[in-house]
Amino acid sequence: MQHAALPGNRSARKRAGRPAALLSGFTLLELLVVIVIVSVLAALLLPALAKAREQGRASVCRNNMRQLALAMTLYADDNSDYLPWPGDVDRNWQPDWVFGGQDNTYPADPNKWRNPGYGLHAESGSIFSYATGLPRVVPHRDSYDGTFRIYRCPSTGPLGEALRVNFSMNEELDPSTALTKASP
């Protein structure tokens, strides 16, 4: 058996001609292979990560709808089992569940979204205090531009944020609308 320091050892002779810094490092080819493998793994994981993020947003959206339904139920419990008005574009009868709205959301014109009067105003709606625990803002002020997460679905983007309320109430719950019986 030969010792590494002996001149007859072939590997010791190979190392003797190289600088010390190259002896312990990776070759360029090895580094490129590692980089390619890591990038392939990242490319495989990104769609799964995006899907998980969207599932999280959907879960928040469902929870917000559940909380609003609970707020409407609590409102009805305090008001002789009557639900709040479902509202209509700029009708603003009391007690509408939210205040305001417009007949056109102007999806292609973000400049209109910046107007504080744009969108729906949950803070003046009849279920606001039930949904948030905060006092209701009455009378309504168009200058108020606050938003409340419980009224928004996180996947709606900038237009949804400008609208402030991303959910609606079924107009068939409007007491001024006559219910019609479906024909068999």
N, C-alpha and C. Protein backbone atom coordinates (compact mmCIF):
# COMPACT_ATOMS: atom_id res chain seq x y z
N MET A 1 0.83 -1.17 0.00
CA MET A 1 0.00 0.00 0.00
C MET A 1 0.88 1.24 0.00
N GLN A 2 0.58 2.16 -0.88
CA GLN A 2 1.41 3.36 -0.99
C GLN A 2 0.77 4.50 -0.24
N HIS A 3 1.58 5.33 0.32
CA HIS A 3 1.12 6.50 1.05
C HIS A 3 0.92 7.64 0.05
N ALA A 4 -0.04 8.55 0.30
CA ALA A 4 -0.35 9.63 -0.65
C ALA A 4 0.84 10.54 -0.90
N ALA A 5 1.72 10.65 0.05
CA ALA A 5 2.86 11.55 -0.11
C ALA A 5 4.00 10.92 -0.91
N LEU A 6 3.92 9.62 -1.14
CA LEU A 6 4.99 8.95 -1.88
C LEU A 6 4.92 9.29 -3.35
N PRO A 7 6.06 9.43 -4.02
CA PRO A 7 6.07 9.82 -5.41
C PRO A 7 5.47 8.78 -6.33
N GLY A 8 5.30 7.55 -5.93
CA GLY A 8 4.75 6.52 -6.79
C GLY A 8 3.23 6.56 -6.89
N ASN A 9 2.56 7.30 -6.07
CA ASN A 9 1.09 7.36 -6.07
C ASN A 9 0.63 8.28 -7.20
N ARG A 10 -0.18 7.74 -8.13
CA ARG A 10 -0.61 8.45 -9.33
C ARG A 10 -1.50 9.66 -8.98
N SER A 11 -2.48 9.49 -8.06
CA SER A 11 -3.39 10.60 -7.73
C SER A 11 -2.65 11.74 -7.06
N ALA A 12 -1.65 11.43 -6.30
CA ALA A 12 -0.86 12.48 -5.67
C ALA A 12 -0.11 13.27 -6.73
N ARG A 13 0.36 12.60 -7.78
CA ARG A 13 1.07 13.31 -8.85
C ARG A 13 0.11 14.21 -9.63
N LYS A 14 -1.18 13.75 -9.84
CA LYS A 14 -2.17 14.57 -10.56
C LYS A 14 -2.47 15.85 -9.80
N ARG A 15 -2.64 15.70 -8.49
CA ARG A 15 -2.97 16.87 -7.67
C ARG A 15 -1.83 17.85 -7.55
N ALA A 16 -0.67 17.40 -7.70
CA ALA A 16 0.49 18.26 -7.51
C ALA A 16 0.54 19.37 -8.57
N GLY A 17 0.01 19.13 -9.78
CA GLY A 17 0.06 20.13 -10.84
C GLY A 17 -1.09 21.12 -10.82
N ARG A 18 -2.14 20.89 -10.02
CA ARG A 18 -3.31 21.78 -9.99
C ARG A 18 -3.22 22.74 -8.82
N PRO A 19 -3.83 23.92 -9.00
CA PRO A 19 -3.90 24.84 -7.85
C PRO A 19 -4.85 24.27 -6.78
N ALA A 20 -4.65 24.65 -5.54
CA ALA A 20 -5.43 24.11 -4.41
C ALA A 20 -6.91 24.46 -4.53
N ALA A 21 -7.28 25.61 -5.12
CA ALA A 21 -8.67 26.04 -5.21
C ALA A 21 -9.48 25.12 -6.11
N LEU A 22 -8.90 24.53 -7.12
CA LEU A 22 -9.64 23.66 -8.04
C LEU A 22 -9.79 22.25 -7.52
N LEU A 23 -9.07 21.88 -6.54
CA LEU A 23 -9.11 20.50 -6.05
C LEU A 23 -10.43 20.16 -5.37
N SER A 24 -11.05 21.12 -4.66
CA SER A 24 -12.24 20.79 -3.89
C SER A 24 -13.54 21.27 -4.54
N GLY A 25 -13.53 21.92 -5.68
CA GLY A 25 -14.72 22.48 -6.30
C GLY A 25 -15.37 21.55 -7.31
N PHE A 26 -16.54 22.01 -7.81
CA PHE A 26 -17.25 21.28 -8.85
C PHE A 26 -16.75 21.73 -10.22
N THR A 27 -16.90 20.88 -11.18
CA THR A 27 -16.59 21.30 -12.55
C THR A 27 -17.75 22.11 -13.10
N LEU A 28 -17.50 22.83 -14.15
CA LEU A 28 -18.55 23.65 -14.77
C LEU A 28 -19.71 22.78 -15.24
N LEU A 29 -19.41 21.63 -15.76
CA LEU A 29 -20.45 20.71 -16.23
C LEU A 29 -21.35 20.25 -15.08
N GLU A 30 -20.74 19.94 -13.95
CA GLU A 30 -21.52 19.51 -12.78
C GLU A 30 -22.43 20.63 -12.30
N LEU A 31 -21.93 21.86 -12.28
CA LEU A 31 -22.76 23.00 -11.87
C LEU A 31 -23.93 23.21 -12.82
N LEU A 32 -23.68 23.10 -14.12
CA LEU A 32 -24.76 23.26 -15.09
C LEU A 32 -25.83 22.18 -14.93
N VAL A 33 -25.42 20.95 -14.67
CA VAL A 33 -26.38 19.86 -14.47
C VAL A 33 -27.24 20.13 -13.25
N VAL A 34 -26.63 20.60 -12.17
CA VAL A 34 -27.39 20.91 -10.96
C VAL A 34 -28.37 22.04 -11.21
N ILE A 35 -27.94 23.07 -11.93
CA ILE A 35 -28.83 24.20 -12.23
C ILE A 35 -30.00 23.75 -13.09
N VAL A 36 -29.76 22.90 -14.08
CA VAL A 36 -30.84 22.40 -14.93
C VAL A 36 -31.83 21.58 -14.11
N ILE A 37 -31.34 20.73 -13.24
CA ILE A 37 -32.24 19.91 -12.41
C ILE A 37 -33.09 20.78 -11.49
N VAL A 38 -32.47 21.77 -10.87
CA VAL A 38 -33.23 22.66 -9.97
C VAL A 38 -34.27 23.44 -10.76
N SER A 39 -33.93 23.92 -11.95
CA SER A 39 -34.91 24.69 -12.73
C SER A 39 -36.06 23.81 -13.22
N VAL A 40 -35.79 22.55 -13.56
CA VAL A 40 -36.87 21.64 -13.96
C VAL A 40 -37.80 21.38 -12.78
N LEU A 41 -37.24 21.17 -11.60
CA LEU A 41 -38.08 20.95 -10.41
C LEU A 41 -38.91 22.19 -10.09
N ALA A 42 -38.32 23.37 -10.22
CA ALA A 42 -39.07 24.61 -9.97
C ALA A 42 -40.21 24.77 -10.97
N ALA A 43 -39.94 24.44 -12.24
CA ALA A 43 -40.98 24.54 -13.26
C ALA A 43 -42.13 23.58 -12.99
N LEU A 44 -41.83 22.44 -12.41
CA LEU A 44 -42.88 21.47 -12.08
C LEU A 44 -43.69 21.92 -10.86
N LEU A 45 -43.06 22.63 -9.94
CA LEU A 45 -43.74 23.03 -8.71
C LEU A 45 -44.56 24.31 -8.85
N LEU A 46 -44.21 25.21 -9.76
CA LEU A 46 -44.91 26.49 -9.87
C LEU A 46 -46.40 26.36 -10.16
N PRO A 47 -46.84 25.50 -11.08
CA PRO A 47 -48.29 25.37 -11.29
C PRO A 47 -49.01 24.84 -10.03
N ALA A 48 -48.39 23.93 -9.33
CA ALA A 48 -49.01 23.42 -8.11
C ALA A 48 -49.10 24.51 -7.06
N LEU A 49 -48.09 25.36 -6.99
CA LEU A 49 -48.10 26.46 -6.04
C LEU A 49 -49.19 27.47 -6.39
N ALA A 50 -49.35 27.77 -7.67
CA ALA A 50 -50.40 28.70 -8.11
C ALA A 50 -51.78 28.14 -7.82
N LYS A 51 -51.95 26.83 -8.03
CA LYS A 51 -53.23 26.19 -7.75
C LYS A 51 -53.54 26.25 -6.25
N ALA A 52 -52.56 26.01 -5.43
CA ALA A 52 -52.76 26.06 -3.98
C ALA A 52 -53.11 27.48 -3.53
N ARG A 53 -52.47 28.48 -4.14
CA ARG A 53 -52.76 29.88 -3.79
C ARG A 53 -54.20 30.23 -4.17
N GLU A 54 -54.65 29.80 -5.34
CA GLU A 54 -56.02 30.09 -5.77
C GLU A 54 -57.03 29.35 -4.89
N GLN A 55 -56.71 28.14 -4.46
CA GLN A 55 -57.60 27.42 -3.55
C GLN A 55 -57.71 28.16 -2.22
N GLY A 56 -56.63 28.76 -1.78
CA GLY A 56 -56.67 29.57 -0.56
C GLY A 56 -57.57 30.78 -0.73
N ARG A 57 -57.46 31.45 -1.89
CA ARG A 57 -58.34 32.61 -2.15
C ARG A 57 -59.80 32.18 -2.21
N ALA A 58 -60.08 31.04 -2.83
CA ALA A 58 -61.46 30.54 -2.92
C ALA A 58 -62.00 30.23 -1.53
N SER A 59 -61.16 29.71 -0.68
CA SER A 59 -61.58 29.42 0.69
C SER A 59 -61.94 30.70 1.44
N VAL A 60 -61.14 31.75 1.26
CA VAL A 60 -61.44 33.05 1.88
C VAL A 60 -62.76 33.59 1.34
N CYS A 61 -62.99 33.45 0.03
CA CYS A 61 -64.22 33.94 -0.60
C CYS A 61 -65.44 33.21 -0.02
N ARG A 62 -65.37 31.89 0.08
CA ARG A 62 -66.48 31.12 0.65
C ARG A 62 -66.74 31.51 2.10
N ASN A 63 -65.69 31.71 2.86
CA ASN A 63 -65.85 32.11 4.25
C ASN A 63 -66.51 33.48 4.36
N ASN A 64 -66.12 34.42 3.48
CA ASN A 64 -66.74 35.75 3.50
C ASN A 64 -68.23 35.67 3.17
N MET A 65 -68.60 34.83 2.19
CA MET A 65 -70.02 34.66 1.87
C MET A 65 -70.78 34.07 3.06
N ARG A 66 -70.17 33.12 3.73
CA ARG A 66 -70.80 32.51 4.91
C ARG A 66 -71.00 33.56 6.01
N GLN A 67 -70.00 34.41 6.23
CA GLN A 67 -70.10 35.45 7.25
C GLN A 67 -71.20 36.46 6.90
N LEU A 68 -71.32 36.81 5.63
CA LEU A 68 -72.37 37.75 5.21
C LEU A 68 -73.75 37.12 5.37
N ALA A 69 -73.87 35.84 5.05
CA ALA A 69 -75.15 35.14 5.25
C ALA A 69 -75.51 35.10 6.73
N LEU A 70 -74.52 34.88 7.57
CA LEU A 70 -74.76 34.88 9.01
C LEU A 70 -75.18 36.28 9.48
N ALA A 71 -74.55 37.32 8.94
CA ALA A 71 -74.93 38.70 9.30
C ALA A 71 -76.37 38.99 8.89
N MET A 72 -76.78 38.50 7.71
CA MET A 72 -78.18 38.70 7.27
C MET A 72 -79.14 37.94 8.18
N THR A 73 -78.76 36.78 8.62
CA THR A 73 -79.59 36.00 9.53
C THR A 73 -79.73 36.72 10.88
N LEU A 74 -78.63 37.27 11.37
CA LEU A 74 -78.68 38.02 12.63
C LEU A 74 -79.53 39.28 12.48
N TYR A 75 -79.42 39.94 11.32
CA TYR A 75 -80.26 41.11 11.06
C TYR A 75 -81.74 40.71 11.10
N ALA A 76 -82.08 39.62 10.41
CA ALA A 76 -83.47 39.17 10.37
C ALA A 76 -83.95 38.80 11.77
N ASP A 77 -83.10 38.21 12.57
CA ASP A 77 -83.47 37.84 13.94
C ASP A 77 -83.84 39.07 14.76
N ASP A 78 -83.15 40.18 14.53
CA ASP A 78 -83.44 41.42 15.25
C ASP A 78 -84.55 42.25 14.63
N ASN A 79 -85.05 41.88 13.44
CA ASN A 79 -86.03 42.69 12.72
C ASN A 79 -87.25 41.88 12.30
N SER A 80 -87.85 41.22 13.24
CA SER A 80 -89.10 40.48 13.03
C SER A 80 -89.02 39.49 11.87
N ASP A 81 -87.88 38.84 11.72
CA ASP A 81 -87.64 37.83 10.69
C ASP A 81 -87.70 38.38 9.27
N TYR A 82 -87.48 39.68 9.09
CA TYR A 82 -87.40 40.27 7.76
C TYR A 82 -85.94 40.44 7.37
N LEU A 83 -85.60 40.00 6.17
CA LEU A 83 -84.26 40.21 5.64
C LEU A 83 -84.13 41.65 5.17
N PRO A 84 -82.90 42.16 5.07
CA PRO A 84 -82.74 43.51 4.52
C PRO A 84 -83.11 43.53 3.04
N TRP A 85 -83.37 44.72 2.51
CA TRP A 85 -83.67 44.86 1.10
C TRP A 85 -82.46 44.40 0.31
N PRO A 86 -82.66 43.67 -0.80
CA PRO A 86 -81.51 43.26 -1.60
C PRO A 86 -80.85 44.41 -2.34
N GLY A 87 -81.54 45.53 -2.44
CA GLY A 87 -80.96 46.68 -3.11
C GLY A 87 -81.12 46.60 -4.62
N ASP A 88 -80.84 47.70 -5.25
CA ASP A 88 -80.89 47.81 -6.69
C ASP A 88 -79.97 48.97 -7.04
N VAL A 89 -79.71 49.17 -8.28
CA VAL A 89 -78.79 50.22 -8.68
C VAL A 89 -79.32 51.57 -8.23
N ASP A 90 -78.58 52.21 -7.36
CA ASP A 90 -78.89 53.54 -6.83
C ASP A 90 -80.32 53.69 -6.30
N ARG A 91 -80.95 52.62 -5.88
CA ARG A 91 -82.27 52.75 -5.28
C ARG A 91 -82.13 53.23 -3.85
N ASN A 92 -81.26 52.58 -3.08
CA ASN A 92 -80.90 52.98 -1.74
C ASN A 92 -82.09 53.18 -0.81
N TRP A 93 -83.01 52.22 -0.86
CA TRP A 93 -84.06 52.21 0.13
C TRP A 93 -83.46 51.74 1.44
N GLN A 94 -84.08 52.11 2.49
CA GLN A 94 -83.62 51.60 3.78
C GLN A 94 -84.54 50.48 4.20
N PRO A 95 -84.04 49.40 4.64
CA PRO A 95 -82.64 49.11 4.93
C PRO A 95 -81.99 48.24 3.86
N ASP A 96 -81.40 48.84 2.83
CA ASP A 96 -80.63 48.07 1.84
C ASP A 96 -79.47 47.39 2.54
N TRP A 97 -79.10 46.22 2.08
CA TRP A 97 -78.00 45.51 2.74
C TRP A 97 -76.66 46.17 2.47
N VAL A 98 -76.51 46.86 1.29
CA VAL A 98 -75.38 47.75 1.01
C VAL A 98 -75.94 48.99 0.32
N PHE A 99 -75.16 50.03 0.25
CA PHE A 99 -75.63 51.30 -0.28
C PHE A 99 -74.92 51.60 -1.59
N GLY A 100 -75.64 52.12 -2.59
CA GLY A 100 -75.04 52.62 -3.81
C GLY A 100 -75.03 51.63 -4.95
N GLY A 101 -74.09 51.86 -5.83
CA GLY A 101 -73.98 51.03 -7.02
C GLY A 101 -74.25 51.85 -8.26
N GLN A 102 -73.91 51.29 -9.39
CA GLN A 102 -74.16 51.95 -10.66
C GLN A 102 -74.54 50.89 -11.68
N ASP A 103 -75.21 51.34 -12.72
CA ASP A 103 -75.70 50.39 -13.71
C ASP A 103 -74.58 49.86 -14.61
N ASN A 104 -73.42 50.52 -14.62
CA ASN A 104 -72.31 50.08 -15.46
C ASN A 104 -71.04 50.09 -14.60
N THR A 105 -70.29 49.00 -14.61
CA THR A 105 -69.07 48.95 -13.81
C THR A 105 -67.86 49.51 -14.54
N TYR A 106 -68.00 49.87 -15.82
CA TYR A 106 -66.92 50.43 -16.61
C TYR A 106 -65.64 49.60 -16.49
N PRO A 107 -65.69 48.32 -16.88
CA PRO A 107 -64.52 47.46 -16.70
C PRO A 107 -63.29 47.90 -17.49
N ALA A 108 -63.47 48.67 -18.55
CA ALA A 108 -62.33 49.09 -19.38
C ALA A 108 -61.83 50.49 -19.04
N ASP A 109 -62.42 51.13 -18.02
CA ASP A 109 -62.05 52.50 -17.70
C ASP A 109 -61.64 52.64 -16.23
N PRO A 110 -60.40 52.30 -15.89
CA PRO A 110 -59.94 52.39 -14.49
C PRO A 110 -59.99 53.79 -13.92
N ASN A 111 -60.04 54.83 -14.75
CA ASN A 111 -60.12 56.19 -14.23
C ASN A 111 -61.43 56.42 -13.47
N LYS A 112 -62.51 55.78 -13.92
CA LYS A 112 -63.80 55.92 -13.23
C LYS A 112 -63.77 55.22 -11.88
N TRP A 113 -62.93 54.20 -11.73
CA TRP A 113 -62.86 53.44 -10.48
C TRP A 113 -62.30 54.29 -9.33
N ARG A 114 -61.54 55.32 -9.67
CA ARG A 114 -60.90 56.15 -8.64
C ARG A 114 -61.86 57.13 -7.97
N ASN A 115 -63.03 57.33 -8.54
CA ASN A 115 -64.02 58.23 -7.97
C ASN A 115 -64.52 57.62 -6.65
N PRO A 116 -64.50 58.37 -5.53
CA PRO A 116 -64.94 57.80 -4.26
C PRO A 116 -66.41 57.36 -4.26
N GLY A 117 -67.23 57.95 -5.14
CA GLY A 117 -68.63 57.55 -5.22
C GLY A 117 -68.84 56.26 -6.00
N TYR A 118 -67.78 55.76 -6.63
CA TYR A 118 -67.88 54.54 -7.43
C TYR A 118 -68.04 53.33 -6.52
N GLY A 119 -68.81 52.39 -6.98
CA GLY A 119 -68.93 51.13 -6.25
C GLY A 119 -70.02 51.15 -5.19
N LEU A 120 -70.03 50.11 -4.43
CA LEU A 120 -71.02 49.94 -3.37
C LEU A 120 -70.41 50.33 -2.03
N HIS A 121 -71.23 50.81 -1.16
CA HIS A 121 -70.76 51.28 0.14
C HIS A 121 -71.34 50.40 1.25
N ALA A 122 -70.57 49.41 1.63
CA ALA A 122 -71.01 48.48 2.66
C ALA A 122 -71.20 49.16 4.00
N GLU A 123 -70.41 50.19 4.28
CA GLU A 123 -70.44 50.84 5.60
C GLU A 123 -71.78 51.50 5.90
N SER A 124 -72.60 51.75 4.87
CA SER A 124 -73.93 52.34 5.08
C SER A 124 -75.04 51.32 4.95
N GLY A 125 -74.69 50.07 4.72
CA GLY A 125 -75.69 49.02 4.57
C GLY A 125 -76.23 48.54 5.90
N SER A 126 -77.39 47.92 5.86
CA SER A 126 -78.06 47.53 7.09
C SER A 126 -77.38 46.38 7.84
N ILE A 127 -76.61 45.54 7.16
CA ILE A 127 -75.97 44.42 7.87
C ILE A 127 -74.53 44.73 8.27
N PHE A 128 -74.06 45.96 8.01
CA PHE A 128 -72.66 46.30 8.25
C PHE A 128 -72.23 46.02 9.69
N SER A 129 -72.99 46.47 10.64
CA SER A 129 -72.59 46.26 12.03
C SER A 129 -72.65 44.78 12.42
N TYR A 130 -73.53 44.01 11.79
CA TYR A 130 -73.60 42.57 12.06
C TYR A 130 -72.39 41.85 11.45
N ALA A 131 -71.94 42.32 10.30
CA ALA A 131 -70.85 41.67 9.59
C ALA A 131 -69.48 42.05 10.15
N THR A 132 -69.32 43.28 10.61
CA THR A 132 -68.00 43.75 11.01
C THR A 132 -67.86 44.05 12.49
N GLY A 133 -68.97 44.29 13.17
CA GLY A 133 -68.89 44.69 14.57
C GLY A 133 -68.62 46.18 14.73
N LEU A 134 -68.56 46.92 13.62
CA LEU A 134 -68.33 48.36 13.64
C LEU A 134 -69.65 49.09 13.49
N PRO A 135 -69.74 50.34 13.96
CA PRO A 135 -71.00 51.08 13.80
C PRO A 135 -71.26 51.43 12.33
N ARG A 136 -72.50 51.43 11.97
CA ARG A 136 -72.93 51.75 10.61
C ARG A 136 -72.79 53.24 10.35
N VAL A 137 -72.35 53.62 9.13
CA VAL A 137 -72.16 55.01 8.76
C VAL A 137 -73.45 55.51 8.13
N VAL A 138 -74.22 56.26 8.91
CA VAL A 138 -75.48 56.82 8.43
C VAL A 138 -75.47 58.30 8.82
N PRO A 139 -75.76 59.21 7.95
CA PRO A 139 -76.13 59.04 6.55
C PRO A 139 -74.91 58.69 5.71
N HIS A 140 -75.18 58.18 4.54
CA HIS A 140 -74.15 57.75 3.60
C HIS A 140 -73.32 58.93 3.12
N ARG A 141 -72.02 58.72 2.97
CA ARG A 141 -71.11 59.74 2.43
C ARG A 141 -70.40 59.16 1.21
N ASP A 142 -70.56 59.79 0.06
CA ASP A 142 -69.85 59.34 -1.15
C ASP A 142 -68.35 59.53 -1.03
N SER A 143 -67.92 60.44 -0.13
CA SER A 143 -66.49 60.70 0.01
C SER A 143 -65.78 59.55 0.73
N TYR A 144 -66.52 58.69 1.40
CA TYR A 144 -65.90 57.57 2.12
C TYR A 144 -65.46 56.52 1.10
N ASP A 145 -64.20 56.13 1.15
CA ASP A 145 -63.71 55.14 0.19
C ASP A 145 -63.07 53.93 0.86
N GLY A 146 -63.46 53.65 2.08
CA GLY A 146 -62.92 52.49 2.80
C GLY A 146 -63.45 51.18 2.24
N THR A 147 -62.67 50.13 2.43
CA THR A 147 -63.09 48.80 2.02
C THR A 147 -63.00 47.87 3.22
N PHE A 148 -63.77 46.82 3.18
CA PHE A 148 -63.79 45.83 4.25
C PHE A 148 -63.64 44.45 3.62
N ARG A 149 -62.66 43.71 4.10
CA ARG A 149 -62.33 42.43 3.47
C ARG A 149 -63.48 41.45 3.44
N ILE A 150 -64.36 41.50 4.40
CA ILE A 150 -65.46 40.53 4.43
C ILE A 150 -66.40 40.70 3.23
N TYR A 151 -66.43 41.88 2.63
CA TYR A 151 -67.29 42.14 1.48
C TYR A 151 -66.59 41.88 0.15
N ARG A 152 -65.34 41.42 0.19
CA ARG A 152 -64.57 41.25 -1.03
C ARG A 152 -64.10 39.81 -1.21
N CYS A 153 -64.02 39.40 -2.46
CA CYS A 153 -63.42 38.12 -2.83
C CYS A 153 -62.00 38.44 -3.32
N PRO A 154 -60.96 37.83 -2.75
CA PRO A 154 -59.59 38.22 -3.11
C PRO A 154 -59.21 37.99 -4.57
N SER A 155 -59.94 37.17 -5.28
CA SER A 155 -59.59 36.88 -6.68
C SER A 155 -60.16 37.88 -7.67
N THR A 156 -60.88 38.89 -7.22
CA THR A 156 -61.55 39.80 -8.15
C THR A 156 -60.65 40.86 -8.75
N GLY A 157 -59.47 41.08 -8.21
CA GLY A 157 -58.52 42.01 -8.79
C GLY A 157 -58.86 43.47 -8.55
N PRO A 158 -58.28 44.36 -9.36
CA PRO A 158 -58.45 45.80 -9.15
C PRO A 158 -59.89 46.28 -9.31
N LEU A 159 -60.64 45.73 -10.27
CA LEU A 159 -62.04 46.14 -10.43
C LEU A 159 -62.85 45.74 -9.20
N GLY A 160 -62.64 44.55 -8.70
CA GLY A 160 -63.34 44.11 -7.49
C GLY A 160 -63.00 44.97 -6.28
N GLU A 161 -61.75 45.40 -6.22
CA GLU A 161 -61.35 46.28 -5.11
C GLU A 161 -62.03 47.63 -5.24
N ALA A 162 -62.15 48.15 -6.46
CA ALA A 162 -62.81 49.43 -6.67
C ALA A 162 -64.30 49.35 -6.37
N LEU A 163 -64.92 48.22 -6.67
CA LEU A 163 -66.36 48.05 -6.40
C LEU A 163 -66.65 47.97 -4.90
N ARG A 164 -65.67 47.55 -4.11
CA ARG A 164 -65.72 47.43 -2.65
C ARG A 164 -66.58 46.29 -2.14
N VAL A 165 -67.63 45.92 -2.87
CA VAL A 165 -68.48 44.79 -2.49
C VAL A 165 -68.55 43.88 -3.70
N ASN A 166 -68.16 42.63 -3.53
CA ASN A 166 -68.11 41.70 -4.65
C ASN A 166 -69.21 40.65 -4.61
N PHE A 167 -70.11 40.76 -3.70
CA PHE A 167 -71.20 39.81 -3.57
C PHE A 167 -72.51 40.55 -3.81
N SER A 168 -73.55 39.79 -4.08
CA SER A 168 -74.86 40.41 -4.25
C SER A 168 -75.90 39.57 -3.52
N MET A 169 -77.05 40.16 -3.35
CA MET A 169 -78.15 39.48 -2.69
C MET A 169 -79.22 39.22 -3.74
N ASN A 170 -79.82 38.07 -3.71
CA ASN A 170 -80.82 37.68 -4.70
C ASN A 170 -82.01 38.64 -4.64
N GLU A 171 -82.36 39.22 -5.79
CA GLU A 171 -83.46 40.20 -5.82
C GLU A 171 -84.81 39.55 -5.53
N GLU A 172 -84.91 38.23 -5.62
CA GLU A 172 -86.18 37.57 -5.29
C GLU A 172 -86.49 37.68 -3.80
N LEU A 173 -85.53 38.10 -3.00
CA LEU A 173 -85.77 38.32 -1.58
C LEU A 173 -86.34 39.70 -1.30
N ASP A 174 -86.54 40.50 -2.34
CA ASP A 174 -87.07 41.85 -2.20
C ASP A 174 -88.56 41.76 -1.88
N PRO A 175 -88.98 42.30 -0.72
CA PRO A 175 -90.39 42.23 -0.34
C PRO A 175 -91.32 43.00 -1.27
N SER A 176 -90.78 43.95 -2.07
CA SER A 176 -91.65 44.70 -2.98
C SER A 176 -91.89 43.95 -4.28
N THR A 177 -91.20 42.83 -4.48
CA THR A 177 -91.36 42.02 -5.67
C THR A 177 -92.32 40.88 -5.38
N ALA A 178 -93.33 40.75 -6.21
CA ALA A 178 -94.29 39.67 -6.01
C ALA A 178 -93.65 38.33 -6.40
N LEU A 179 -93.81 37.38 -5.54
CA LEU A 179 -93.31 36.04 -5.86
C LEU A 179 -94.30 35.35 -6.77
N THR A 180 -93.80 34.74 -7.79
CA THR A 180 -94.68 34.02 -8.70
C THR A 180 -94.43 32.53 -8.54
N LYS A 181 -95.51 31.81 -8.59
CA LYS A 181 -95.42 30.36 -8.45
C LYS A 181 -95.07 29.78 -9.81
N ALA A 182 -94.11 28.89 -9.81
CA ALA A 182 -93.70 28.26 -11.07
C ALA A 182 -94.81 27.35 -11.57
N SER A 183 -95.04 27.39 -12.88
CA SER A 183 -96.05 26.54 -13.49
C SER A 183 -95.51 25.12 -13.63
N PRO A 184 -96.37 24.10 -13.40
CA PRO A 184 -95.89 22.73 -13.54
C PRO A 184 -95.72 22.31 -14.97
